[in-house]
Amino acid sequence: MSAEQDAIEAAVFRRLLEHLDSRKDVQNIELMELAGFCRNCLSKWYVTAAEERGVEVDYEGARERVYGMPYADWKAQYQTEATPEQLAAFEKHRTGH
């Protein structure tokens, strides 16, 4: 992979985080239902990618990078209780992430 491709992909990742930050109304369970991944999945992927490169990043640090704040703060401010319909759809489409 070229340095240019790395830079482009990094810019796309930053743009994805900006987009998710602008859509705090979209709940993780909704992302999981529709796309098969959520902010927590991105956080786990971040940790894995760092580990593959010999960089230590803990899960909470990765979550803070993805959420733009400590997860507990994001959850308290923006997360709503899942509806029974959302939970049923989540279980139906669960991807194992």
Protein backbone atom coordinates (compact mmCIF):
# COMPACT_ATOMS: atom_id res chain seq x y z
CA MET A 1 0.00 0.00 0.00
CA SER A 2 1.36 3.41 -0.90
CA ALA A 3 1.77 6.30 1.51
CA GLU A 4 -0.75 8.21 -0.58
CA GLN A 5 -3.34 5.45 -0.23
CA ASP A 6 -2.68 5.32 3.52
CA ALA A 7 -3.22 9.08 3.75
CA ILE A 8 -6.46 8.89 1.76
CA GLU A 9 -7.80 6.04 3.88
CA ALA A 10 -6.85 7.89 7.07
CA ALA A 11 -8.71 10.97 5.80
CA VAL A 12 -11.76 8.82 5.02
CA PHE A 13 -11.67 7.36 8.53
CA ARG A 14 -11.48 10.84 10.05
CA ARG A 15 -14.43 11.91 7.88
CA LEU A 16 -16.41 8.85 9.03
CA LEU A 17 -15.77 9.81 12.66
CA GLU A 18 -16.84 13.40 11.93
CA HIS A 19 -20.01 12.12 10.29
CA LEU A 20 -20.84 9.83 13.20
CA ASP A 21 -20.15 12.71 15.59
CA SER A 22 -22.62 14.86 13.69
CA ARG A 23 -25.24 12.10 13.96
CA LYS A 24 -25.32 11.42 17.67
CA ASP A 25 -29.04 10.80 17.20
CA VAL A 26 -28.20 7.57 15.40
CA GLN A 27 -27.93 4.89 18.04
CA ASN A 28 -25.38 2.08 17.92
CA ILE A 29 -28.16 -0.51 17.82
CA GLU A 30 -29.52 1.17 14.68
CA LEU A 31 -26.08 1.07 13.06
CA MET A 32 -25.79 -2.62 13.94
CA GLU A 33 -29.23 -3.38 12.51
CA LEU A 34 -28.57 -1.62 9.21
CA ALA A 35 -24.83 -1.82 8.65
CA GLY A 36 -23.63 -4.68 10.84
CA PHE A 37 -21.19 -2.50 12.77
CA CYS A 38 -21.32 0.36 15.25
CA ARG A 39 -19.06 2.81 17.04
CA ASN A 40 -17.94 0.07 19.44
CA CYS A 41 -16.96 -2.14 16.50
CA LEU A 42 -14.86 0.71 15.11
CA SER A 43 -13.20 1.02 18.51
CA LYS A 44 -12.35 -2.68 18.55
CA TRP A 45 -11.01 -2.50 14.99
CA TYR A 46 -8.89 0.49 16.05
CA VAL A 47 -7.35 -1.53 18.89
CA THR A 48 -6.68 -4.48 16.58
CA ALA A 49 -5.07 -2.29 13.91
CA ALA A 50 -2.86 -0.65 16.53
CA GLU A 51 -1.82 -4.02 17.96
CA GLU A 52 -0.95 -5.28 14.47
CA ARG A 53 1.47 -2.37 14.21
CA GLY A 54 2.98 -2.91 17.65
CA VAL A 55 1.19 0.08 19.20
CA GLU A 56 -0.61 -0.38 22.49
CA VAL A 57 -4.04 1.23 22.58
CA ASP A 58 -6.57 0.15 25.16
CA TYR A 59 -10.24 -0.27 24.31
CA GLU A 60 -11.38 2.73 26.35
CA GLY A 61 -8.77 4.92 24.64
CA ALA A 62 -9.98 3.71 21.26
CA ARG A 63 -13.58 4.38 22.26
CA GLU A 64 -12.67 7.92 23.25
CA ARG A 65 -11.08 8.42 19.83
CA VAL A 66 -14.17 7.09 18.04
CA TYR A 67 -16.77 8.76 20.25
CA GLY A 68 -14.85 12.03 20.63
CA MET A 69 -15.23 11.83 24.42
CA PRO A 70 -15.13 9.20 27.15
CA TYR A 71 -17.69 6.52 26.35
CA ALA A 72 -19.45 6.92 29.71
CA ASP A 73 -20.04 10.61 28.93
CA TRP A 74 -21.34 9.85 25.42
CA LYS A 75 -23.62 7.14 26.76
CA ALA A 76 -25.04 9.42 29.48
CA GLN A 77 -25.61 12.30 27.05
CA TYR A 78 -26.73 10.58 23.85
CA GLN A 79 -27.64 6.93 24.25
CA THR A 80 -31.32 6.12 24.54
CA GLU A 81 -32.96 2.95 25.77
CA ALA A 82 -33.42 0.44 22.95
CA THR A 83 -36.99 -0.30 22.01
CA PRO A 84 -38.29 -3.88 21.95
CA GLU A 85 -38.43 -3.59 18.14
CA GLN A 86 -34.79 -2.50 17.96
CA LEU A 87 -33.69 -5.34 20.22
CA ALA A 88 -35.61 -7.88 18.13
CA ALA A 89 -34.12 -6.55 14.88
CA PHE A 90 -30.66 -6.55 16.44
CA GLU A 91 -30.97 -10.19 17.49
CA LYS A 92 -32.27 -11.14 14.04
CA HIS A 93 -29.33 -9.52 12.23
CA ARG A 94 -26.61 -9.99 14.85
CA THR A 95 -23.24 -10.29 13.12
CA GLY A 96 -21.06 -11.35 16.03
CA HIS A 97 -19.18 -8.06 16.27
